Amino acid sequence: MASLCLGMGTAAAQAPQANDGAGMLKSLQNDPAMPSVAPAGYDVTIVVFSDYQCPYCRKLHGSLKQLMRQDRKVRIVYRDWPIFGAASVEAARSALAARYQGKHAAFNEALMATSGRLDSQAIQLAAQRAGVDVKRLKSDLVSHKGDIDAALARTARFADLMNLSGTPALVIGSYLLPGAATPEMLGDAVAMVRKSS
């Protein structure tokens, strides 16, 4: 498996959140503003950089779901990195706002299941399919604008510091894995992280 150890490049040393790779990794994995799926007793964390309009991210989403069904000790942290234009930013902001009503997981699933290009109407339809209260979502987008924008900015800064060139990208334990990994690749990476810890 082709992977890069996170603390070995200059990017990790320049992280504003920490002076070393381990501190950067901790900040990357444990931002309270980022949605996550964290089963009890998890021992490996996967941080996912994705864009709701990226077809490879949608493919990876299926692989991550399969991994979580097979391995109940993996935590997933979602870091929206909207790089495909205004609709990507709208989808990412909406997904983060859905957390305030406990609907991120369902909305994330609905957005990832949307085929083709996103627009405001497709995002609203995904919200409805996910059972999101759209009126409250709009209110949360306004009242939590600063927090949502700051969360997206932190993710963009991490992506820049790690020299990511696109989505999807995964940080599994302390290893960087770019691209739409298959369930087998994910399982191998998780096993490698467990073996090295």
N, C-alpha and C. Protein backbone atom coordinates (compact mmCIF):
# COMPACT_ATOMS: atom_id res chain seq x y z
N MET A 1 0.84 -1.18 0.00
CA MET A 1 0.00 0.00 0.00
C MET A 1 0.88 1.24 0.00
N ALA A 2 0.61 2.15 -0.90
CA ALA A 2 1.37 3.39 -0.96
C ALA A 2 0.82 4.36 0.07
N SER A 3 1.62 4.72 1.03
CA SER A 3 1.18 5.67 2.04
C SER A 3 2.36 6.50 2.52
N LEU A 4 2.04 7.63 3.07
CA LEU A 4 3.07 8.53 3.60
C LEU A 4 2.84 8.72 5.09
N CYS A 5 3.89 8.68 5.86
CA CYS A 5 3.74 8.90 7.30
C CYS A 5 3.57 10.39 7.55
N LEU A 6 2.54 10.77 8.26
CA LEU A 6 2.23 12.18 8.49
C LEU A 6 3.35 12.91 9.19
N GLY A 7 4.03 12.97 9.85
CA GLY A 7 5.00 13.78 10.55
C GLY A 7 6.33 13.79 9.89
N MET A 8 6.45 13.27 8.64
CA MET A 8 7.76 13.19 8.03
C MET A 8 8.05 14.33 7.07
N GLY A 9 7.05 15.09 6.67
CA GLY A 9 7.28 16.17 5.73
C GLY A 9 7.33 17.51 6.42
N THR A 10 7.67 18.54 5.66
CA THR A 10 7.71 19.87 6.23
C THR A 10 6.31 20.36 6.57
N ALA A 11 5.29 19.82 5.89
CA ALA A 11 3.92 20.27 6.15
C ALA A 11 3.54 20.07 7.61
N ALA A 12 3.87 18.92 8.15
CA ALA A 12 3.48 18.64 9.54
C ALA A 12 4.19 19.60 10.50
N ALA A 13 5.44 19.92 10.22
CA ALA A 13 6.18 20.79 11.10
C ALA A 13 5.62 22.22 11.09
N GLN A 14 4.91 22.60 10.00
CA GLN A 14 4.39 23.94 9.88
C GLN A 14 2.96 24.08 10.41
N ALA A 15 2.39 23.03 10.91
CA ALA A 15 0.99 23.07 11.35
C ALA A 15 0.80 24.14 12.41
N PRO A 16 -0.21 25.00 12.25
CA PRO A 16 -0.41 26.05 13.24
C PRO A 16 -0.93 25.52 14.56
N GLN A 17 -1.53 24.33 14.56
CA GLN A 17 -2.11 23.80 15.78
C GLN A 17 -1.07 23.15 16.68
N ALA A 18 0.08 22.81 16.15
CA ALA A 18 1.05 22.08 16.96
C ALA A 18 2.44 22.27 16.38
N ASN A 19 3.44 21.94 17.17
CA ASN A 19 4.82 22.07 16.71
C ASN A 19 5.37 20.79 16.14
N ASP A 20 4.61 19.72 16.17
CA ASP A 20 5.13 18.46 15.67
C ASP A 20 4.02 17.67 14.98
N GLY A 21 4.41 16.61 14.30
CA GLY A 21 3.45 15.78 13.57
C GLY A 21 2.42 15.14 14.48
N ALA A 22 2.83 14.71 15.67
CA ALA A 22 1.88 14.08 16.60
C ALA A 22 0.82 15.07 17.04
N GLY A 23 1.22 16.30 17.30
CA GLY A 23 0.25 17.33 17.69
C GLY A 23 -0.69 17.66 16.55
N MET A 24 -0.15 17.71 15.34
CA MET A 24 -0.99 17.97 14.17
C MET A 24 -2.01 16.85 14.00
N LEU A 25 -1.56 15.62 14.15
CA LEU A 25 -2.45 14.47 14.00
C LEU A 25 -3.57 14.52 15.04
N LYS A 26 -3.22 14.86 16.27
CA LYS A 26 -4.22 14.95 17.33
C LYS A 26 -5.26 16.03 17.00
N SER A 27 -4.80 17.18 16.52
CA SER A 27 -5.72 18.26 16.13
C SER A 27 -6.60 17.84 14.96
N LEU A 28 -6.01 17.15 14.01
CA LEU A 28 -6.74 16.69 12.83
C LEU A 28 -7.85 15.72 13.21
N GLN A 29 -7.55 14.82 14.13
CA GLN A 29 -8.48 13.76 14.51
C GLN A 29 -9.53 14.20 15.52
N ASN A 30 -9.26 15.23 16.32
CA ASN A 30 -10.10 15.51 17.49
C ASN A 30 -10.71 16.90 17.51
N ASP A 31 -11.04 17.43 16.36
CA ASP A 31 -11.70 18.73 16.28
C ASP A 31 -13.18 18.52 16.64
N PRO A 32 -13.68 19.11 17.72
CA PRO A 32 -15.06 18.86 18.14
C PRO A 32 -16.10 19.36 17.14
N ALA A 33 -15.72 20.22 16.21
CA ALA A 33 -16.66 20.72 15.21
C ALA A 33 -16.87 19.73 14.06
N MET A 34 -16.03 18.70 13.98
CA MET A 34 -16.11 17.76 12.88
C MET A 34 -17.01 16.57 13.22
N PRO A 35 -17.93 16.25 12.33
CA PRO A 35 -18.79 15.08 12.56
C PRO A 35 -17.96 13.80 12.56
N SER A 36 -18.41 12.84 13.36
CA SER A 36 -17.69 11.56 13.40
C SER A 36 -18.65 10.43 13.75
N VAL A 37 -18.21 9.24 13.43
CA VAL A 37 -18.87 8.01 13.88
C VAL A 37 -17.85 7.31 14.75
N ALA A 38 -18.14 7.21 16.04
CA ALA A 38 -17.14 6.71 16.98
C ALA A 38 -17.74 5.58 17.82
N PRO A 39 -17.56 4.34 17.39
CA PRO A 39 -18.07 3.22 18.20
C PRO A 39 -17.27 3.09 19.50
N ALA A 40 -17.94 2.56 20.51
CA ALA A 40 -17.27 2.35 21.80
C ALA A 40 -16.06 1.45 21.62
N GLY A 41 -14.95 1.82 22.22
CA GLY A 41 -13.75 0.99 22.18
C GLY A 41 -12.98 1.06 20.87
N TYR A 42 -13.22 2.09 20.05
CA TYR A 42 -12.48 2.17 18.78
C TYR A 42 -10.99 2.26 19.05
N ASP A 43 -10.19 1.74 18.11
CA ASP A 43 -8.74 1.79 18.29
C ASP A 43 -8.00 2.38 17.09
N VAL A 44 -8.72 2.69 16.02
CA VAL A 44 -8.12 3.32 14.85
C VAL A 44 -9.05 4.43 14.38
N THR A 45 -8.47 5.58 14.04
CA THR A 45 -9.25 6.71 13.52
C THR A 45 -8.89 6.93 12.06
N ILE A 46 -9.92 7.10 11.24
CA ILE A 46 -9.76 7.45 9.83
C ILE A 46 -10.36 8.84 9.64
N VAL A 47 -9.55 9.77 9.16
CA VAL A 47 -10.02 11.11 8.84
C VAL A 47 -10.22 11.17 7.33
N VAL A 48 -11.43 11.58 6.91
CA VAL A 48 -11.78 11.57 5.49
C VAL A 48 -11.91 13.01 4.99
N PHE A 49 -11.11 13.38 4.01
CA PHE A 49 -11.24 14.66 3.32
C PHE A 49 -12.07 14.37 2.06
N SER A 50 -13.23 15.02 1.95
CA SER A 50 -14.09 14.72 0.80
C SER A 50 -14.90 15.92 0.37
N ASP A 51 -15.44 15.81 -0.83
CA ASP A 51 -16.31 16.81 -1.44
C ASP A 51 -17.55 16.08 -1.94
N TYR A 52 -18.73 16.60 -1.64
CA TYR A 52 -19.96 15.91 -2.01
C TYR A 52 -20.17 15.80 -3.52
N GLN A 53 -19.44 16.57 -4.32
CA GLN A 53 -19.57 16.47 -5.77
C GLN A 53 -18.51 15.56 -6.40
N CYS A 54 -17.64 15.03 -5.61
CA CYS A 54 -16.55 14.19 -6.11
C CYS A 54 -17.04 12.75 -6.31
N PRO A 55 -17.04 12.23 -7.53
CA PRO A 55 -17.52 10.86 -7.75
C PRO A 55 -16.66 9.82 -7.03
N TYR A 56 -15.39 10.09 -6.87
CA TYR A 56 -14.52 9.15 -6.16
C TYR A 56 -14.82 9.15 -4.66
N CYS A 57 -15.26 10.31 -4.14
CA CYS A 57 -15.66 10.37 -2.73
C CYS A 57 -16.92 9.54 -2.50
N ARG A 58 -17.81 9.58 -3.46
CA ARG A 58 -19.04 8.78 -3.35
C ARG A 58 -18.70 7.29 -3.37
N LYS A 59 -17.75 6.93 -4.21
CA LYS A 59 -17.30 5.53 -4.25
C LYS A 59 -16.64 5.14 -2.93
N LEU A 60 -15.79 6.01 -2.42
CA LEU A 60 -15.12 5.76 -1.14
C LEU A 60 -16.13 5.63 -0.01
N HIS A 61 -17.20 6.42 -0.06
CA HIS A 61 -18.22 6.36 0.98
C HIS A 61 -18.77 4.93 1.13
N GLY A 62 -19.00 4.27 0.00
CA GLY A 62 -19.45 2.88 0.05
C GLY A 62 -18.42 1.96 0.68
N SER A 63 -17.15 2.19 0.36
CA SER A 63 -16.08 1.37 0.94
C SER A 63 -15.98 1.59 2.45
N LEU A 64 -16.13 2.83 2.89
CA LEU A 64 -16.08 3.12 4.33
C LEU A 64 -17.25 2.47 5.06
N LYS A 65 -18.44 2.50 4.46
CA LYS A 65 -19.59 1.84 5.08
C LYS A 65 -19.34 0.35 5.22
N GLN A 66 -18.76 -0.26 4.18
CA GLN A 66 -18.45 -1.70 4.26
C GLN A 66 -17.43 -1.97 5.35
N LEU A 67 -16.39 -1.14 5.44
CA LEU A 67 -15.38 -1.31 6.49
C LEU A 67 -16.02 -1.22 7.87
N MET A 68 -16.91 -0.23 8.08
CA MET A 68 -17.53 -0.06 9.39
C MET A 68 -18.45 -1.23 9.75
N ARG A 69 -19.04 -1.86 8.74
CA ARG A 69 -19.85 -3.05 9.03
C ARG A 69 -18.96 -4.22 9.45
N GLN A 70 -17.76 -4.31 8.86
CA GLN A 70 -16.86 -5.43 9.12
C GLN A 70 -15.98 -5.22 10.34
N ASP A 71 -15.69 -3.98 10.68
CA ASP A 71 -14.75 -3.67 11.74
C ASP A 71 -15.39 -2.65 12.68
N ARG A 72 -15.81 -3.08 13.84
CA ARG A 72 -16.54 -2.23 14.79
C ARG A 72 -15.60 -1.44 15.71
N LYS A 73 -14.31 -1.37 15.36
CA LYS A 73 -13.35 -0.64 16.20
C LYS A 73 -12.67 0.50 15.44
N VAL A 74 -13.37 0.98 14.38
CA VAL A 74 -12.83 2.07 13.57
C VAL A 74 -13.71 3.30 13.73
N ARG A 75 -13.08 4.43 14.03
CA ARG A 75 -13.78 5.71 14.11
C ARG A 75 -13.54 6.46 12.80
N ILE A 76 -14.60 7.10 12.28
CA ILE A 76 -14.49 7.91 11.07
C ILE A 76 -14.74 9.36 11.45
N VAL A 77 -13.83 10.24 11.05
CA VAL A 77 -13.99 11.68 11.23
C VAL A 77 -14.13 12.28 9.84
N TYR A 78 -15.24 13.01 9.64
CA TYR A 78 -15.53 13.61 8.33
C TYR A 78 -15.04 15.05 8.29
N ARG A 79 -14.17 15.33 7.33
CA ARG A 79 -13.69 16.69 7.11
C ARG A 79 -14.08 17.11 5.71
N ASP A 80 -15.15 17.90 5.63
CA ASP A 80 -15.60 18.39 4.33
C ASP A 80 -14.57 19.37 3.78
N TRP A 81 -14.12 19.09 2.56
CA TRP A 81 -13.17 19.96 1.87
C TRP A 81 -13.78 20.30 0.52
N PRO A 82 -14.65 21.32 0.48
CA PRO A 82 -15.39 21.62 -0.74
C PRO A 82 -14.54 22.34 -1.78
N ILE A 83 -14.04 21.60 -2.75
CA ILE A 83 -13.11 22.15 -3.74
C ILE A 83 -13.71 22.24 -5.14
N PHE A 84 -14.96 21.81 -5.31
CA PHE A 84 -15.57 21.80 -6.63
C PHE A 84 -16.61 22.90 -6.81
N GLY A 85 -16.40 24.06 -6.22
CA GLY A 85 -17.25 25.20 -6.49
C GLY A 85 -18.30 25.50 -5.44
N ALA A 86 -19.18 26.44 -5.81
CA ALA A 86 -20.17 26.97 -4.88
C ALA A 86 -21.13 25.90 -4.35
N ALA A 87 -21.57 24.97 -5.19
CA ALA A 87 -22.49 23.93 -4.72
C ALA A 87 -21.81 23.03 -3.70
N SER A 88 -20.53 22.77 -3.88
CA SER A 88 -19.78 21.97 -2.91
C SER A 88 -19.72 22.69 -1.56
N VAL A 89 -19.49 23.99 -1.59
CA VAL A 89 -19.45 24.77 -0.36
C VAL A 89 -20.82 24.77 0.31
N GLU A 90 -21.88 24.95 -0.47
CA GLU A 90 -23.23 24.94 0.10
C GLU A 90 -23.54 23.59 0.73
N ALA A 91 -23.18 22.50 0.06
CA ALA A 91 -23.43 21.16 0.60
C ALA A 91 -22.64 20.93 1.89
N ALA A 92 -21.37 21.33 1.90
CA ALA A 92 -20.53 21.13 3.08
C ALA A 92 -21.06 21.95 4.26
N ARG A 93 -21.41 23.21 4.01
CA ARG A 93 -21.93 24.06 5.08
C ARG A 93 -23.25 23.48 5.62
N SER A 94 -24.10 23.00 4.71
CA SER A 94 -25.38 22.43 5.13
C SER A 94 -25.18 21.16 5.95
N ALA A 95 -24.24 20.32 5.53
CA ALA A 95 -23.97 19.08 6.26
C ALA A 95 -23.48 19.39 7.67
N LEU A 96 -22.59 20.37 7.80
CA LEU A 96 -22.12 20.75 9.13
C LEU A 96 -23.25 21.35 9.97
N ALA A 97 -24.12 22.12 9.34
CA ALA A 97 -25.24 22.71 10.07
C ALA A 97 -26.23 21.64 10.53
N ALA A 98 -26.35 20.56 9.78
CA ALA A 98 -27.27 19.48 10.16
C ALA A 98 -26.88 18.83 11.48
N ARG A 99 -25.63 18.97 11.89
CA ARG A 99 -25.18 18.43 13.19
C ARG A 99 -25.97 19.02 14.34
N TYR A 100 -26.39 20.27 14.20
CA TYR A 100 -27.08 20.95 15.30
C TYR A 100 -28.46 20.36 15.57
N GLN A 101 -28.97 19.54 14.65
CA GLN A 101 -30.22 18.84 14.91
C GLN A 101 -30.02 17.33 14.88
N GLY A 102 -28.75 16.90 15.01
CA GLY A 102 -28.44 15.48 15.11
C GLY A 102 -28.69 14.70 13.83
N LYS A 103 -28.57 15.38 12.68
CA LYS A 103 -28.92 14.74 11.40
C LYS A 103 -27.74 14.64 10.43
N HIS A 104 -26.51 14.85 10.91
CA HIS A 104 -25.40 14.81 9.98
C HIS A 104 -25.28 13.47 9.27
N ALA A 105 -25.34 12.37 10.00
CA ALA A 105 -25.14 11.05 9.38
C ALA A 105 -26.15 10.79 8.28
N ALA A 106 -27.42 11.08 8.55
CA ALA A 106 -28.46 10.84 7.54
C ALA A 106 -28.30 11.78 6.35
N PHE A 107 -27.94 13.03 6.62
CA PHE A 107 -27.77 14.00 5.53
C PHE A 107 -26.53 13.67 4.70
N ASN A 108 -25.46 13.28 5.37
CA ASN A 108 -24.25 12.85 4.68
C ASN A 108 -24.57 11.70 3.73
N GLU A 109 -25.32 10.73 4.23
CA GLU A 109 -25.71 9.57 3.42
C GLU A 109 -26.54 10.01 2.21
N ALA A 110 -27.50 10.90 2.44
CA ALA A 110 -28.35 11.37 1.34
C ALA A 110 -27.57 12.16 0.30
N LEU A 111 -26.64 13.00 0.75
CA LEU A 111 -25.82 13.75 -0.21
C LEU A 111 -24.92 12.82 -1.01
N MET A 112 -24.32 11.83 -0.34
CA MET A 112 -23.44 10.89 -1.05
C MET A 112 -24.23 10.01 -2.03
N ALA A 113 -25.51 9.83 -1.79
CA ALA A 113 -26.35 9.02 -2.68
C ALA A 113 -26.90 9.82 -3.85
N THR A 114 -26.70 11.14 -3.84
CA THR A 114 -27.19 11.99 -4.92
C THR A 114 -26.30 11.80 -6.14
N SER A 115 -26.91 11.53 -7.28
CA SER A 115 -26.10 11.33 -8.49
C SER A 115 -26.00 12.64 -9.27
N GLY A 116 -24.91 12.79 -9.98
CA GLY A 116 -24.72 13.97 -10.81
C GLY A 116 -24.27 15.18 -10.01
N ARG A 117 -24.31 16.32 -10.68
CA ARG A 117 -23.87 17.57 -10.07
C ARG A 117 -24.89 18.05 -9.05
N LEU A 118 -24.40 18.67 -8.01
CA LEU A 118 -25.27 19.24 -6.99
C LEU A 118 -25.64 20.68 -7.34
N ASP A 119 -26.81 21.07 -6.89
CA ASP A 119 -27.22 22.46 -6.89
C ASP A 119 -28.09 22.65 -5.65
N SER A 120 -28.57 23.86 -5.43
CA SER A 120 -29.35 24.14 -4.22
C SER A 120 -30.56 23.23 -4.09
N GLN A 121 -31.24 22.97 -5.21
CA GLN A 121 -32.43 22.13 -5.16
C GLN A 121 -32.07 20.69 -4.77
N ALA A 122 -31.00 20.15 -5.35
CA ALA A 122 -30.57 18.78 -5.02
C ALA A 122 -30.17 18.67 -3.55
N ILE A 123 -29.52 19.70 -3.03
CA ILE A 123 -29.12 19.71 -1.62
C ILE A 123 -30.36 19.73 -0.73
N GLN A 124 -31.34 20.55 -1.09
CA GLN A 124 -32.57 20.62 -0.29
C GLN A 124 -33.34 19.29 -0.36
N LEU A 125 -33.38 18.65 -1.52
CA LEU A 125 -34.04 17.35 -1.64
C LEU A 125 -33.33 16.30 -0.78
N ALA A 126 -31.99 16.34 -0.76
CA ALA A 126 -31.23 15.40 0.07
C ALA A 126 -31.55 15.64 1.55
N ALA A 127 -31.67 16.91 1.93
CA ALA A 127 -32.02 17.24 3.32
C ALA A 127 -33.39 16.67 3.67
N GLN A 128 -34.34 16.80 2.77
CA GLN A 128 -35.69 16.27 3.02
C GLN A 128 -35.67 14.75 3.13
N ARG A 129 -34.92 14.09 2.24
CA ARG A 129 -34.80 12.62 2.30
C ARG A 129 -34.19 12.18 3.62
N ALA A 130 -33.30 12.99 4.16
CA ALA A 130 -32.62 12.65 5.41
C ALA A 130 -33.44 13.00 6.64
N GLY A 131 -34.59 13.60 6.45
CA GLY A 131 -35.41 13.98 7.60
C GLY A 131 -34.93 15.23 8.31
N VAL A 132 -34.17 16.05 7.59
CA VAL A 132 -33.67 17.30 8.17
C VAL A 132 -34.79 18.33 8.16
N ASP A 133 -34.93 19.04 9.26
CA ASP A 133 -35.87 20.16 9.34
C ASP A 133 -35.21 21.31 8.57
N VAL A 134 -35.68 21.56 7.34
CA VAL A 134 -35.03 22.52 6.46
C VAL A 134 -35.10 23.94 7.01
N LYS A 135 -36.22 24.29 7.65
CA LYS A 135 -36.35 25.63 8.24
C LYS A 135 -35.30 25.82 9.34
N ARG A 136 -35.14 24.82 10.19
CA ARG A 136 -34.12 24.92 11.24
C ARG A 136 -32.72 24.92 10.63
N LEU A 137 -32.50 24.13 9.57
CA LEU A 137 -31.20 24.10 8.90
C LEU A 137 -30.82 25.50 8.44
N LYS A 138 -31.76 26.18 7.80
CA LYS A 138 -31.48 27.55 7.32
C LYS A 138 -31.15 28.47 8.49
N SER A 139 -31.87 28.32 9.59
CA SER A 139 -31.60 29.13 10.78
C SER A 139 -30.22 28.81 11.35
N ASP A 140 -29.88 27.53 11.42
CA ASP A 140 -28.56 27.13 11.96
C ASP A 140 -27.43 27.60 11.05
N LEU A 141 -27.67 27.63 9.75
CA LEU A 141 -26.65 28.13 8.83
C LEU A 141 -26.32 29.59 9.11
N VAL A 142 -27.31 30.35 9.55
CA VAL A 142 -27.10 31.76 9.88
C VAL A 142 -26.50 31.90 11.27
N SER A 143 -27.13 31.25 12.26
CA SER A 143 -26.70 31.46 13.65
C SER A 143 -25.34 30.82 13.96
N HIS A 144 -24.97 29.79 13.22
CA HIS A 144 -23.67 29.13 13.46
C HIS A 144 -22.68 29.37 12.31
N LYS A 145 -22.91 30.42 11.52
CA LYS A 145 -22.09 30.70 10.35
C LYS A 145 -20.60 30.78 10.69
N GLY A 146 -20.27 31.49 11.74
CA GLY A 146 -18.86 31.65 12.12
C GLY A 146 -18.19 30.33 12.44
N ASP A 147 -18.87 29.48 13.21
CA ASP A 147 -18.31 28.17 13.58
C ASP A 147 -18.16 27.26 12.35
N ILE A 148 -19.17 27.28 11.49
CA ILE A 148 -19.14 26.42 10.29
C ILE A 148 -18.03 26.87 9.36
N ASP A 149 -17.94 28.17 9.11
CA ASP A 149 -16.89 28.67 8.22
C ASP A 149 -15.49 28.43 8.80
N ALA A 150 -15.36 28.56 10.12
CA ALA A 150 -14.06 28.31 10.75
C ALA A 150 -13.68 26.84 10.64
N ALA A 151 -14.66 25.94 10.79
CA ALA A 151 -14.38 24.50 10.65
C ALA A 151 -13.90 24.17 9.24
N LEU A 152 -14.58 24.73 8.24
CA LEU A 152 -14.16 24.49 6.85
C LEU A 152 -12.78 25.08 6.59
N ALA A 153 -12.50 26.23 7.17
CA ALA A 153 -11.19 26.86 6.99
C ALA A 153 -10.08 26.01 7.62
N ARG A 154 -10.35 25.42 8.79
CA ARG A 154 -9.34 24.56 9.43
C ARG A 154 -9.05 23.35 8.55
N THR A 155 -10.09 22.77 7.99
CA THR A 155 -9.89 21.61 7.11
C THR A 155 -9.08 22.00 5.88
N ALA A 156 -9.40 23.13 5.27
CA ALA A 156 -8.66 23.59 4.10
C ALA A 156 -7.19 23.84 4.45
N ARG A 157 -6.95 24.35 5.65
CA ARG A 157 -5.57 24.61 6.08
C ARG A 157 -4.81 23.28 6.25
N PHE A 158 -5.45 22.29 6.86
CA PHE A 158 -4.81 20.98 6.97
C PHE A 158 -4.51 20.41 5.59
N ALA A 159 -5.46 20.50 4.68
CA ALA A 159 -5.26 19.97 3.33
C ALA A 159 -4.06 20.65 2.67
N ASP A 160 -3.94 21.97 2.87
CA ASP A 160 -2.83 22.71 2.31
C ASP A 160 -1.51 22.29 2.95
N LEU A 161 -1.50 22.17 4.26
CA LEU A 161 -0.27 21.78 4.97
C LEU A 161 0.20 20.39 4.57
N MET A 162 -0.75 19.51 4.25
CA MET A 162 -0.39 18.14 3.86
C MET A 162 -0.20 18.00 2.35
N ASN A 163 -0.28 19.13 1.64
CA ASN A 163 -0.10 19.13 0.19
C ASN A 163 -1.08 18.20 -0.53
N LEU A 164 -2.31 18.14 -0.05
CA LEU A 164 -3.30 17.32 -0.73
C LEU A 164 -3.62 17.95 -2.07
N SER A 165 -3.78 17.12 -3.09
CA SER A 165 -4.04 17.64 -4.43
C SER A 165 -5.48 17.44 -4.86
N GLY A 166 -6.28 16.75 -4.05
CA GLY A 166 -7.67 16.55 -4.40
C GLY A 166 -8.34 15.61 -3.43
N THR A 167 -9.61 15.35 -3.73
CA THR A 167 -10.39 14.45 -2.89
C THR A 167 -10.65 13.17 -3.66
N PRO A 168 -10.88 12.07 -2.95
CA PRO A 168 -10.78 11.93 -1.49
C PRO A 168 -9.35 11.73 -1.04
N ALA A 169 -9.12 11.97 0.23
CA ALA A 169 -7.85 11.66 0.86
C ALA A 169 -8.17 11.20 2.28
N LEU A 170 -7.41 10.24 2.75
CA LEU A 170 -7.65 9.64 4.06
C LEU A 170 -6.39 9.73 4.90
N VAL A 171 -6.58 10.02 6.17
CA VAL A 171 -5.50 9.86 7.14
C VAL A 171 -5.95 8.71 8.04
N ILE A 172 -5.23 7.60 7.94
CA ILE A 172 -5.58 6.39 8.70
C ILE A 172 -4.48 6.20 9.74
N GLY A 173 -4.86 6.39 11.00
CA GLY A 173 -3.82 6.42 12.02
C GLY A 173 -2.91 7.60 11.71
N SER A 174 -1.64 7.34 11.46
CA SER A 174 -0.71 8.41 11.10
C SER A 174 -0.25 8.31 9.64
N TYR A 175 -1.03 7.61 8.82
CA TYR A 175 -0.66 7.42 7.42
C TYR A 175 -1.63 8.12 6.49
N LEU A 176 -1.09 8.69 5.42
CA LEU A 176 -1.89 9.38 4.42
C LEU A 176 -2.13 8.45 3.25
N LEU A 177 -3.39 8.29 2.87
CA LEU A 177 -3.77 7.43 1.75
C LEU A 177 -4.66 8.24 0.82
N PRO A 178 -4.14 8.70 -0.33
CA PRO A 178 -4.98 9.45 -1.25
C PRO A 178 -5.80 8.52 -2.15
N GLY A 179 -6.93 9.02 -2.60
CA GLY A 179 -7.72 8.28 -3.58
C GLY A 179 -8.84 7.46 -2.98
N ALA A 180 -9.63 6.89 -3.89
CA ALA A 180 -10.81 6.10 -3.51
C ALA A 180 -10.39 4.68 -3.17
N ALA A 181 -10.01 4.47 -1.94
CA ALA A 181 -9.54 3.15 -1.50
C ALA A 181 -10.68 2.14 -1.51
N THR A 182 -10.36 0.92 -1.85
CA THR A 182 -11.33 -0.17 -1.79
C THR A 182 -11.47 -0.63 -0.34
N PRO A 183 -12.53 -1.39 -0.03
CA PRO A 183 -12.64 -1.92 1.33
C PRO A 183 -11.42 -2.74 1.74
N GLU A 184 -10.84 -3.47 0.79
CA GLU A 184 -9.66 -4.28 1.09
C GLU A 184 -8.47 -3.40 1.44
N MET A 185 -8.28 -2.32 0.68
CA MET A 185 -7.18 -1.40 0.97
C MET A 185 -7.37 -0.75 2.35
N LEU A 186 -8.61 -0.38 2.65
CA LEU A 186 -8.88 0.21 3.96
C LEU A 186 -8.58 -0.78 5.08
N GLY A 187 -9.02 -2.02 4.90
CA GLY A 187 -8.77 -3.05 5.90
C GLY A 187 -7.29 -3.29 6.11
N ASP A 188 -6.53 -3.32 5.00
CA ASP A 188 -5.07 -3.50 5.10
C ASP A 188 -4.42 -2.33 5.84
N ALA A 189 -4.88 -1.10 5.54
CA ALA A 189 -4.31 0.07 6.20
C ALA A 189 -4.61 0.06 7.69
N VAL A 190 -5.84 -0.29 8.05
CA VAL A 190 -6.21 -0.36 9.47
C VAL A 190 -5.36 -1.42 10.18
N ALA A 191 -5.17 -2.57 9.54
CA ALA A 191 -4.35 -3.62 10.13
C ALA A 191 -2.91 -3.15 10.32
N MET A 192 -2.39 -2.38 9.36
CA MET A 192 -1.02 -1.88 9.45
C MET A 192 -0.91 -0.89 10.62
N VAL A 193 -1.90 -0.04 10.81
CA VAL A 193 -1.88 0.91 11.91
C VAL A 193 -1.91 0.16 13.25
N ARG A 194 -2.77 -0.84 13.34
CA ARG A 194 -2.85 -1.62 14.59
C ARG A 194 -1.53 -2.32 14.88
N LYS A 195 -0.91 -2.83 13.85
CA LYS A 195 0.37 -3.56 14.04
C LYS A 195 1.46 -2.62 14.50
N SER A 196 1.44 -1.35 14.03
CA SER A 196 2.51 -0.43 14.37
C SER A 196 2.29 0.29 15.70
N SER A 197 1.09 0.11 16.30
CA SER A 197 0.87 0.84 17.57
C SER A 197 1.13 -0.03 18.78
